[in-house]
Amino acid sequence: MCMMTSNVFGSITANNLGYAKVELQETIAEGAESCRVVVYLKLTEDAEDAEGREYFKG
């Protein structure tokens, strides 16, 4: 469920802004009650340091 959320947020953001990186900080699969998602809108130092998937306008 959280990965699907990541793909939706990442694809929509990248298609509109050209870039997105989505970090899943908490996931249901790892035992959390819900997904905690952080979306980086620009390739910044914080985005580079975060573990996540990058999306580009396609």
Protein backbone atom coordinates (compact mmCIF):
# COMPACT_ATOMS: atom_id res chain seq x y z
CA MET A 1 0.00 0.00 0.00
CA CYS A 2 2.75 2.47 0.91
CA MET A 3 4.73 1.67 -2.24
CA MET A 4 1.64 2.35 -4.35
CA THR A 5 1.27 5.69 -2.55
CA SER A 6 4.93 6.45 -3.26
CA ASN A 7 4.49 5.71 -6.97
CA VAL A 8 1.37 7.88 -7.24
CA PHE A 9 2.91 10.85 -5.41
CA GLY A 10 6.24 10.52 -7.22
CA SER A 11 4.73 10.20 -10.70
CA ILE A 12 2.28 13.08 -10.31
CA THR A 13 4.92 15.37 -8.80
CA ALA A 14 7.58 14.54 -11.39
CA ASN A 15 5.15 15.00 -14.27
CA ASN A 16 4.30 18.49 -13.00
CA LEU A 17 7.67 19.66 -11.66
CA GLY A 18 10.16 17.50 -13.52
CA TYR A 19 11.58 15.78 -10.44
CA ALA A 20 10.53 14.13 -7.20
CA LYS A 21 12.09 11.88 -4.62
CA VAL A 22 9.80 9.96 -2.30
CA GLU A 23 10.98 8.63 1.03
CA LEU A 24 8.87 6.13 2.95
CA GLN A 25 9.75 6.86 6.58
CA GLU A 26 7.19 4.44 8.02
CA THR A 27 5.35 1.63 6.26
CA ILE A 28 2.52 -0.74 7.06
CA ALA A 29 4.70 -3.63 5.87
CA GLU A 30 7.23 -2.77 8.60
CA GLY A 31 4.54 -2.70 11.29
CA ALA A 32 3.44 0.94 11.32
CA GLU A 33 -0.26 1.78 11.51
CA SER A 34 0.00 3.94 8.39
CA CYS A 35 2.41 5.24 5.77
CA ARG A 36 4.62 8.23 6.52
CA VAL A 37 5.68 9.70 3.19
CA VAL A 38 8.06 12.59 2.50
CA VAL A 39 8.13 14.05 -1.01
CA TYR A 40 11.16 16.11 -2.05
CA LEU A 41 10.31 18.52 -4.85
CA LYS A 42 13.88 19.48 -5.75
CA LEU A 43 17.21 17.69 -5.75
CA THR A 44 18.62 19.24 -2.59
CA GLU A 45 21.21 18.01 -0.12
CA ASP A 46 18.40 16.69 2.09
CA ALA A 47 16.91 14.82 -0.87
CA GLU A 48 20.30 13.32 -1.74
CA ASP A 49 20.75 12.10 1.85
CA ALA A 50 17.27 10.54 2.05
CA GLU A 51 16.67 6.94 1.11
CA GLY A 52 13.91 6.74 -1.43
CA ARG A 53 12.90 6.49 -5.06
CA GLU A 54 13.54 9.22 -7.56
CA TYR A 55 11.02 10.09 -10.27
CA PHE A 56 11.64 12.14 -13.39
CA LYS A 57 9.31 13.65 -15.94
CA GLY A 58 8.80 11.05 -18.63
